[in-house]
Amino acid sequence: MSGPNGDLGMPVEAGAEGEEDGFEEAEYAAINSMLDQINSCLDHLEEKNDHLHARLQELLESNRQTRLEFQQQLGESPGDASL
């Protein structure tokens, strides 16, 4: 344990060590709580991303179908549209 100036050889009082352990436990509890909140936020973002991805896939397929219908109405073959 280091002293107030970073001296490594300074002895630590028994009472101070117990207080420090309690402080470390409180710090760990706070960090765990923050990590839980971050994890919840990331889960929520992942769900939103999955939902958006599914909707974009639906939109893409809908646009493909619409394009094919227009090509058929115009009498074009699907391969001619890429020109």
PDB file of N, CA and C in Angstrom:
ATOM      1  N   MET A   1       0.843  -1.163   0.000  1.00  0.00           N
ATOM      2  CA  MET A   1       0.000   0.000   0.000  1.00  0.00           C
ATOM      3  C   MET A   1       0.894   1.233   0.000  1.00  0.00           C
ATOM      4  N   SER A   2       0.551   2.260  -0.748  1.00  0.00           N
ATOM      5  CA  SER A   2       1.387   3.446  -0.814  1.00  0.00           C
ATOM      6  C   SER A   2       0.875   4.512   0.137  1.00  0.00           C
ATOM      7  N   GLY A   3       1.792   5.371   0.549  1.00  0.00           N
ATOM      8  CA  GLY A   3       1.447   6.484   1.432  1.00  0.00           C
ATOM      9  C   GLY A   3       0.854   7.620   0.637  1.00  0.00           C
ATOM     10  N   PRO A   4       0.592   8.765   1.299  1.00  0.00           N
ATOM     11  CA  PRO A   4      -0.038   9.888   0.613  1.00  0.00           C
ATOM     12  C   PRO A   4       0.814  10.467  -0.510  1.00  0.00           C
ATOM     13  N   ASN A   5       2.140  10.299  -0.425  1.00  0.00           N
ATOM     14  CA  ASN A   5       3.018  10.814  -1.477  1.00  0.00           C
ATOM     15  C   ASN A   5       3.487   9.716  -2.414  1.00  0.00           C
ATOM     16  N   GLY A   6       2.875   8.545  -2.331  1.00  0.00           N
ATOM     17  CA  GLY A   6       3.275   7.446  -3.182  1.00  0.00           C
ATOM     18  C   GLY A   6       4.393   6.613  -2.611  1.00  0.00           C
ATOM     19  N   ASP A   7       4.752   6.826  -1.316  1.00  0.00           N
ATOM     20  CA  ASP A   7       5.804   6.042  -0.673  1.00  0.00           C
ATOM     21  C   ASP A   7       5.297   4.635  -0.426  1.00  0.00           C
ATOM     22  N   LEU A   8       6.008   3.634  -0.929  1.00  0.00           N
ATOM     23  CA  LEU A   8       5.565   2.252  -0.809  1.00  0.00           C
ATOM     24  C   LEU A   8       5.818   1.669   0.569  1.00  0.00           C
ATOM     25  N   GLY A   9       6.813   2.166   1.318  1.00  0.00           N
ATOM     26  CA  GLY A   9       7.180   1.569   2.584  1.00  0.00           C
ATOM     27  C   GLY A   9       6.349   2.025   3.762  1.00  0.00           C
ATOM     28  N   MET A  10       5.373   2.879   3.596  1.00  0.00           N
ATOM     29  CA  MET A  10       4.604   3.419   4.702  1.00  0.00           C
ATOM     30  C   MET A  10       3.591   2.387   5.198  1.00  0.00           C
ATOM     31  N   PRO A  11       3.581   2.081   6.509  1.00  0.00           N
ATOM     32  CA  PRO A  11       2.634   1.085   7.022  1.00  0.00           C
ATOM     33  C   PRO A  11       1.202   1.599   6.994  1.00  0.00           C
ATOM     34  N   VAL A  12       0.249   0.664   6.886  1.00  0.00           N
ATOM     35  CA  VAL A  12      -1.167   1.010   6.834  1.00  0.00           C
ATOM     36  C   VAL A  12      -1.803   0.610   8.147  1.00  0.00           C
ATOM     37  N   GLU A  13      -2.617   1.494   8.724  1.00  0.00           N
ATOM     38  CA  GLU A  13      -3.296   1.190   9.971  1.00  0.00           C
ATOM     39  C   GLU A  13      -4.409   0.180   9.703  1.00  0.00           C
ATOM     40  N   ALA A  14      -4.707  -0.657  10.701  1.00  0.00           N
ATOM     41  CA  ALA A  14      -5.715  -1.703  10.534  1.00  0.00           C
ATOM     42  C   ALA A  14      -7.083  -1.118  10.233  1.00  0.00           C
ATOM     43  N   GLY A  15      -7.466  -0.025  10.890  1.00  0.00           N
ATOM     44  CA  GLY A  15      -8.775   0.595  10.661  1.00  0.00           C
ATOM     45  C   GLY A  15      -8.886   1.171   9.266  1.00  0.00           C
ATOM     46  N   ALA A  16      -7.838   1.756   8.767  1.00  0.00           N
ATOM     47  CA  ALA A  16      -7.853   2.361   7.435  1.00  0.00           C
ATOM     48  C   ALA A  16      -8.012   1.296   6.362  1.00  0.00           C
ATOM     49  N   GLU A  17      -7.431   0.133   6.582  1.00  0.00           N
ATOM     50  CA  GLU A  17      -7.538  -0.939   5.596  1.00  0.00           C
ATOM     51  C   GLU A  17      -8.978  -1.418   5.469  1.00  0.00           C
ATOM     52  N   GLY A  18      -9.683  -1.535   6.576  1.00  0.00           N
ATOM     53  CA  GLY A  18     -11.087  -1.944   6.546  1.00  0.00           C
ATOM     54  C   GLY A  18     -11.956  -0.931   5.829  1.00  0.00           C
ATOM     55  N   GLU A  19     -11.690   0.352   6.072  1.00  0.00           N
ATOM     56  CA  GLU A  19     -12.429   1.401   5.387  1.00  0.00           C
ATOM     57  C   GLU A  19     -12.151   1.363   3.891  1.00  0.00           C
ATOM     58  N   GLU A  20     -10.908   1.098   3.533  1.00  0.00           N
ATOM     59  CA  GLU A  20     -10.537   1.038   2.127  1.00  0.00           C
ATOM     60  C   GLU A  20     -11.222  -0.136   1.441  1.00  0.00           C
ATOM     61  N   ASP A  21     -11.321  -1.273   2.129  1.00  0.00           N
ATOM     62  CA  ASP A  21     -12.019  -2.428   1.554  1.00  0.00           C
ATOM     63  C   ASP A  21     -13.484  -2.089   1.298  1.00  0.00           C
ATOM     64  N   GLY A  22     -14.106  -1.399   2.252  1.00  0.00           N
ATOM     65  CA  GLY A  22     -15.495  -0.984   2.080  1.00  0.00           C
ATOM     66  C   GLY A  22     -15.645  -0.023   0.916  1.00  0.00           C
ATOM     67  N   PHE A  23     -14.690   0.880   0.782  1.00  0.00           N
ATOM     68  CA  PHE A  23     -14.710   1.828  -0.330  1.00  0.00           C
ATOM     69  C   PHE A  23     -14.545   1.098  -1.649  1.00  0.00           C
ATOM     70  N   GLU A  24     -13.642   0.127  -1.694  1.00  0.00           N
ATOM     71  CA  GLU A  24     -13.449  -0.631  -2.922  1.00  0.00           C
ATOM     72  C   GLU A  24     -14.708  -1.410  -3.275  1.00  0.00           C
ATOM     73  N   GLU A  25     -15.376  -1.984  -2.278  1.00  0.00           N
ATOM     74  CA  GLU A  25     -16.614  -2.705  -2.540  1.00  0.00           C
ATOM     75  C   GLU A  25     -17.674  -1.763  -3.094  1.00  0.00           C
ATOM     76  N   ALA A  26     -17.741  -0.544  -2.537  1.00  0.00           N
ATOM     77  CA  ALA A  26     -18.700   0.442  -3.035  1.00  0.00           C
ATOM     78  C   ALA A  26     -18.353   0.834  -4.470  1.00  0.00           C
ATOM     79  N   GLU A  27     -17.057   0.986  -4.739  1.00  0.00           N
ATOM     80  CA  GLU A  27     -16.635   1.304  -6.113  1.00  0.00           C
ATOM     81  C   GLU A  27     -17.009   0.182  -7.070  1.00  0.00           C
ATOM     82  N   TYR A  28     -16.748  -1.059  -6.659  1.00  0.00           N
ATOM     83  CA  TYR A  28     -17.091  -2.205  -7.509  1.00  0.00           C
ATOM     84  C   TYR A  28     -18.598  -2.285  -7.746  1.00  0.00           C
ATOM     85  N   ALA A  29     -19.371  -2.014  -6.708  1.00  0.00           N
ATOM     86  CA  ALA A  29     -20.830  -2.035  -6.854  1.00  0.00           C
ATOM     87  C   ALA A  29     -21.278  -0.955  -7.838  1.00  0.00           C
ATOM     88  N   ALA A  30     -20.685   0.235  -7.736  1.00  0.00           N
ATOM     89  CA  ALA A  30     -21.037   1.327  -8.650  1.00  0.00           C
ATOM     90  C   ALA A  30     -20.634   0.988 -10.085  1.00  0.00           C
ATOM     91  N   ILE A  31     -19.458   0.419 -10.246  1.00  0.00           N
ATOM     92  CA  ILE A  31     -18.993   0.032 -11.578  1.00  0.00           C
ATOM     93  C   ILE A  31     -19.889  -1.052 -12.156  1.00  0.00           C
ATOM     94  N   ASN A  32     -20.252  -2.035 -11.329  1.00  0.00           N
ATOM     95  CA  ASN A  32     -21.149  -3.095 -11.795  1.00  0.00           C
ATOM     96  C   ASN A  32     -22.498  -2.535 -12.234  1.00  0.00           C
ATOM     97  N   SER A  33     -22.998  -1.570 -11.467  1.00  0.00           N
ATOM     98  CA  SER A  33     -24.267  -0.943 -11.817  1.00  0.00           C
ATOM     99  C   SER A  33     -24.160  -0.219 -13.161  1.00  0.00           C
ATOM    100  N   MET A  34     -23.070   0.524 -13.344  1.00  0.00           N
ATOM    101  CA  MET A  34     -22.865   1.235 -14.614  1.00  0.00           C
ATOM    102  C   MET A  34     -22.731   0.251 -15.775  1.00  0.00           C
ATOM    103  N   LEU A  35     -22.013  -0.836 -15.549  1.00  0.00           N
ATOM    104  CA  LEU A  35     -21.859  -1.841 -16.605  1.00  0.00           C
ATOM    105  C   LEU A  35     -23.195  -2.490 -16.945  1.00  0.00           C
ATOM    106  N   ASP A  36     -24.032  -2.714 -15.936  1.00  0.00           N
ATOM    107  CA  ASP A  36     -25.365  -3.258 -16.185  1.00  0.00           C
ATOM    108  C   ASP A  36     -26.197  -2.302 -17.035  1.00  0.00           C
ATOM    109  N   GLN A  37     -26.097  -1.009 -16.729  1.00  0.00           N
ATOM    110  CA  GLN A  37     -26.831  -0.016 -17.515  1.00  0.00           C
ATOM    111  C   GLN A  37     -26.323   0.027 -18.949  1.00  0.00           C
ATOM    112  N   ILE A  38     -25.014  -0.010 -19.111  1.00  0.00           N
ATOM    113  CA  ILE A  38     -24.431  -0.014 -20.456  1.00  0.00           C
ATOM    114  C   ILE A  38     -24.877  -1.255 -21.213  1.00  0.00           C
ATOM    115  N   ASN A  39     -24.870  -2.399 -20.529  1.00  0.00           N
ATOM    116  CA  ASN A  39     -25.295  -3.645 -21.164  1.00  0.00           C
ATOM    117  C   ASN A  39     -26.754  -3.561 -21.607  1.00  0.00           C
ATOM    118  N   SER A  40     -27.606  -2.977 -20.763  1.00  0.00           N
ATOM    119  CA  SER A  40     -29.014  -2.816 -21.120  1.00  0.00           C
ATOM    120  C   SER A  40     -29.168  -1.912 -22.344  1.00  0.00           C
ATOM    121  N   CYS A  41     -28.407  -0.818 -22.367  1.00  0.00           N
ATOM    122  CA  CYS A  41     -28.456   0.095 -23.512  1.00  0.00           C
ATOM    123  C   CYS A  41     -27.992  -0.602 -24.792  1.00  0.00           C
ATOM    124  N   LEU A  42     -26.931  -1.364 -24.678  1.00  0.00           N
ATOM    125  CA  LEU A  42     -26.432  -2.080 -25.854  1.00  0.00           C
ATOM    126  C   LEU A  42     -27.432  -3.128 -26.333  1.00  0.00           C
ATOM    127  N   ASP A  43     -28.090  -3.813 -25.400  1.00  0.00           N
ATOM    128  CA  ASP A  43     -29.127  -4.773 -25.786  1.00  0.00           C
ATOM    129  C   ASP A  43     -30.259  -4.080 -26.527  1.00  0.00           C
ATOM    130  N   HIS A  44     -30.661  -2.906 -26.014  1.00  0.00           N
ATOM    131  CA  HIS A  44     -31.732  -2.142 -26.653  1.00  0.00           C
ATOM    132  C   HIS A  44     -31.315  -1.698 -28.059  1.00  0.00           C
ATOM    133  N   LEU A  45     -30.093  -1.217 -28.187  1.00  0.00           N
ATOM    134  CA  LEU A  45     -29.599  -0.806 -29.504  1.00  0.00           C
ATOM    135  C   LEU A  45     -29.530  -1.979 -30.471  1.00  0.00           C
ATOM    136  N   GLU A  46     -29.122  -3.138 -29.960  1.00  0.00           N
ATOM    137  CA  GLU A  46     -29.053  -4.327 -30.805  1.00  0.00           C
ATOM    138  C   GLU A  46     -30.446  -4.723 -31.300  1.00  0.00           C
ATOM    139  N   GLU A  47     -31.447  -4.641 -30.424  1.00  0.00           N
ATOM    140  CA  GLU A  47     -32.815  -4.941 -30.830  1.00  0.00           C
ATOM    141  C   GLU A  47     -33.300  -3.968 -31.905  1.00  0.00           C
ATOM    142  N   LYS A  48     -33.006  -2.672 -31.694  1.00  0.00           N
ATOM    143  CA  LYS A  48     -33.398  -1.669 -32.688  1.00  0.00           C
ATOM    144  C   LYS A  48     -32.696  -1.919 -34.020  1.00  0.00           C
ATOM    145  N   ASN A  49     -31.421  -2.260 -33.954  1.00  0.00           N
ATOM    146  CA  ASN A  49     -30.662  -2.542 -35.165  1.00  0.00           C
ATOM    147  C   ASN A  49     -31.245  -3.744 -35.907  1.00  0.00           C
ATOM    148  N   ASP A  50     -31.582  -4.796 -35.164  1.00  0.00           N
ATOM    149  CA  ASP A  50     -32.179  -5.981 -35.786  1.00  0.00           C
ATOM    150  C   ASP A  50     -33.513  -5.640 -36.441  1.00  0.00           C
ATOM    151  N   HIS A  51     -34.302  -4.809 -35.752  1.00  0.00           N
ATOM    152  CA  HIS A  51     -35.596  -4.405 -36.297  1.00  0.00           C
ATOM    153  C   HIS A  51     -35.407  -3.581 -37.578  1.00  0.00           C
ATOM    154  N   LEU A  52     -34.490  -2.629 -37.542  1.00  0.00           N
ATOM    155  CA  LEU A  52     -34.219  -1.809 -38.728  1.00  0.00           C
ATOM    156  C   LEU A  52     -33.700  -2.663 -39.883  1.00  0.00           C
ATOM    157  N   HIS A  53     -32.857  -3.618 -39.575  1.00  0.00           N
ATOM    158  CA  HIS A  53     -32.321  -4.496 -40.609  1.00  0.00           C
ATOM    159  C   HIS A  53     -33.448  -5.284 -41.273  1.00  0.00           C
ATOM    160  N   ALA A  54     -34.351  -5.806 -40.463  1.00  0.00           N
ATOM    161  CA  ALA A  54     -35.481  -6.564 -41.009  1.00  0.00           C
ATOM    162  C   ALA A  54     -36.363  -5.674 -41.881  1.00  0.00           C
ATOM    163  N   ARG A  55     -36.611  -4.438 -41.416  1.00  0.00           N
ATOM    164  CA  ARG A  55     -37.443  -3.524 -42.205  1.00  0.00           C
ATOM    165  C   ARG A  55     -36.765  -3.145 -43.524  1.00  0.00           C
ATOM    166  N   LEU A  56     -35.456  -2.940 -43.487  1.00  0.00           N
ATOM    167  CA  LEU A  56     -34.730  -2.608 -44.714  1.00  0.00           C
ATOM    168  C   LEU A  56     -34.735  -3.783 -45.691  1.00  0.00           C
ATOM    169  N   GLN A  57     -34.642  -4.994 -45.159  1.00  0.00           N
ATOM    170  CA  GLN A  57     -34.714  -6.181 -46.026  1.00  0.00           C
ATOM    171  C   GLN A  57     -36.087  -6.239 -46.703  1.00  0.00           C
ATOM    172  N   GLU A  58     -37.150  -5.939 -45.937  1.00  0.00           N
ATOM    173  CA  GLU A  58     -38.500  -5.918 -46.508  1.00  0.00           C
ATOM    174  C   GLU A  58     -38.612  -4.852 -47.592  1.00  0.00           C
ATOM    175  N   LEU A  59     -38.060  -3.673 -47.321  1.00  0.00           N
ATOM    176  CA  LEU A  59     -38.098  -2.584 -48.296  1.00  0.00           C
ATOM    177  C   LEU A  59     -37.336  -2.951 -49.562  1.00  0.00           C
ATOM    178  N   LEU A  60     -36.185  -3.557 -49.393  1.00  0.00           N
ATOM    179  CA  LEU A  60     -35.391  -3.980 -50.542  1.00  0.00           C
ATOM    180  C   LEU A  60     -36.154  -4.986 -51.400  1.00  0.00           C
ATOM    181  N   GLU A  61     -36.762  -5.951 -50.755  1.00  0.00           N
ATOM    182  CA  GLU A  61     -37.528  -6.955 -51.503  1.00  0.00           C
ATOM    183  C   GLU A  61     -38.729  -6.325 -52.196  1.00  0.00           C
ATOM    184  N   SER A  62     -39.386  -5.395 -51.505  1.00  0.00           N
ATOM    185  CA  SER A  62     -40.519  -4.694 -52.108  1.00  0.00           C
ATOM    186  C   SER A  62     -40.076  -3.906 -53.334  1.00  0.00           C
ATOM    187  N   ASN A  63     -38.936  -3.228 -53.238  1.00  0.00           N
ATOM    188  CA  ASN A  63     -38.421  -2.471 -54.387  1.00  0.00           C
ATOM    189  C   ASN A  63     -38.047  -3.386 -55.544  1.00  0.00           C
ATOM    190  N   ARG A  64     -37.493  -4.543 -55.237  1.00  0.00           N
ATOM    191  CA  ARG A  64     -37.176  -5.510 -56.297  1.00  0.00           C
ATOM    192  C   ARG A  64     -38.441  -5.957 -57.023  1.00  0.00           C
ATOM    193  N   GLN A  65     -39.474  -6.264 -56.236  1.00  0.00           N
ATOM    194  CA  GLN A  65     -40.737  -6.697 -56.833  1.00  0.00           C
ATOM    195  C   GLN A  65     -41.337  -5.594 -57.700  1.00  0.00           C
ATOM    196  N   THR A  66     -41.317  -4.371 -57.193  1.00  0.00           N
ATOM    197  CA  THR A  66     -41.869  -3.245 -57.947  1.00  0.00           C
ATOM    198  C   THR A  66     -41.096  -3.038 -59.239  1.00  0.00           C
ATOM    199  N   ARG A  67     -39.779  -3.124 -59.168  1.00  0.00           N
ATOM    200  CA  ARG A  67     -38.959  -2.966 -60.371  1.00  0.00           C
ATOM    201  C   ARG A  67     -39.269  -4.050 -61.394  1.00  0.00           C
ATOM    202  N   LEU A  68     -39.410  -5.294 -60.938  1.00  0.00           N
ATOM    203  CA  LEU A  68     -39.741  -6.393 -61.852  1.00  0.00           C
ATOM    204  C   LEU A  68     -41.105  -6.177 -62.504  1.00  0.00           C
ATOM    205  N   GLU A  69     -42.062  -5.692 -61.724  1.00  0.00           N
ATOM    206  CA  GLU A  69     -43.391  -5.427 -62.280  1.00  0.00           C
ATOM    207  C   GLU A  69     -43.333  -4.339 -63.343  1.00  0.00           C
ATOM    208  N   PHE A  70     -42.581  -3.271 -63.080  1.00  0.00           N
ATOM    209  CA  PHE A  70     -42.434  -2.206 -64.079  1.00  0.00           C
ATOM    210  C   PHE A  70     -41.746  -2.725 -65.338  1.00  0.00           C
ATOM    211  N   GLN A  71     -40.736  -3.549 -65.160  1.00  0.00           N
ATOM    212  CA  GLN A  71     -40.033  -4.106 -66.316  1.00  0.00           C
ATOM    213  C   GLN A  71     -40.964  -4.987 -67.141  1.00  0.00           C
ATOM    214  N   GLN A  72     -41.788  -5.747 -66.473  1.00  0.00           N
ATOM    215  CA  GLN A  72     -42.726  -6.609 -67.190  1.00  0.00           C
ATOM    216  C   GLN A  72     -43.763  -5.771 -67.929  1.00  0.00           C
ATOM    217  N   GLN A  73     -44.201  -4.674 -67.315  1.00  0.00           N
ATOM    218  CA  GLN A  73     -45.167  -3.799 -67.978  1.00  0.00           C
ATOM    219  C   GLN A  73     -44.566  -3.145 -69.213  1.00  0.00           C
ATOM    220  N   LEU A  74     -43.278  -2.845 -69.148  1.00  0.00           N
ATOM    221  CA  LEU A  74     -42.609  -2.200 -70.280  1.00  0.00           C
ATOM    222  C   LEU A  74     -42.124  -3.206 -71.304  1.00  0.00           C
ATOM    223  N   GLY A  75     -42.226  -4.487 -70.991  1.00  0.00           N
ATOM    224  CA  GLY A  75     -41.816  -5.522 -71.918  1.00  0.00           C
ATOM    225  C   GLY A  75     -40.314  -5.779 -71.906  1.00  0.00           C
ATOM    226  N   GLU A  76     -39.627  -5.332 -70.889  1.00  0.00           N
ATOM    227  CA  GLU A  76     -38.192  -5.574 -70.776  1.00  0.00           C
ATOM    228  C   GLU A  76     -37.940  -6.885 -70.043  1.00  0.00           C
ATOM    229  N   SER A  77     -36.807  -7.444 -70.323  1.00  0.00           N
ATOM    230  CA  SER A  77     -36.406  -8.604 -69.537  1.00  0.00           C
ATOM    231  C   SER A  77     -35.606  -8.095 -68.335  1.00  0.00           C
ATOM    232  N   PRO A  78     -35.594  -8.856 -67.208  1.00  0.00           N
ATOM    233  CA  PRO A  78     -34.896  -8.387 -66.005  1.00  0.00           C
ATOM    234  C   PRO A  78     -33.422  -8.097 -66.215  1.00  0.00           C
ATOM    235  N   GLY A  79     -32.755  -8.760 -67.134  1.00  0.00           N
ATOM    236  CA  GLY A  79     -31.335  -8.524 -67.361  1.00  0.00           C
ATOM    237  C   GLY A  79     -31.038  -7.224 -68.073  1.00  0.00           C
ATOM    238  N   ASP A  80     -32.028  -6.685 -68.843  1.00  0.00           N
ATOM    239  CA  ASP A  80     -31.829  -5.444 -69.607  1.00  0.00           C
ATOM    240  C   ASP A  80     -31.814  -4.212 -68.710  1.00  0.00           C
ATOM    241  N   ALA A  81     -32.364  -4.292 -67.526  1.00  0.00           N
ATOM    242  CA  ALA A  81     -32.485  -3.125 -66.658  1.00  0.00           C
ATOM    243  C   ALA A  81     -31.155  -2.655 -66.096  1.00  0.00           C
ATOM    244  N   SER A  82     -30.149  -3.514 -66.102  1.00  0.00           N
ATOM    245  CA  SER A  82     -28.874  -3.126 -65.533  1.00  0.00           C
ATOM    246  C   SER A  82     -28.066  -2.229 -66.456  1.00  0.00           C
ATOM    247  N   LEU A  83     -28.488  -2.024 -67.691  1.00  0.00           N
ATOM    248  CA  LEU A  83     -27.753  -1.191 -68.639  1.00  0.00           C
ATOM    249  C   LEU A  83     -27.980   0.261 -68.444  1.00  0.00           C
TER     250      LEU A  83
END
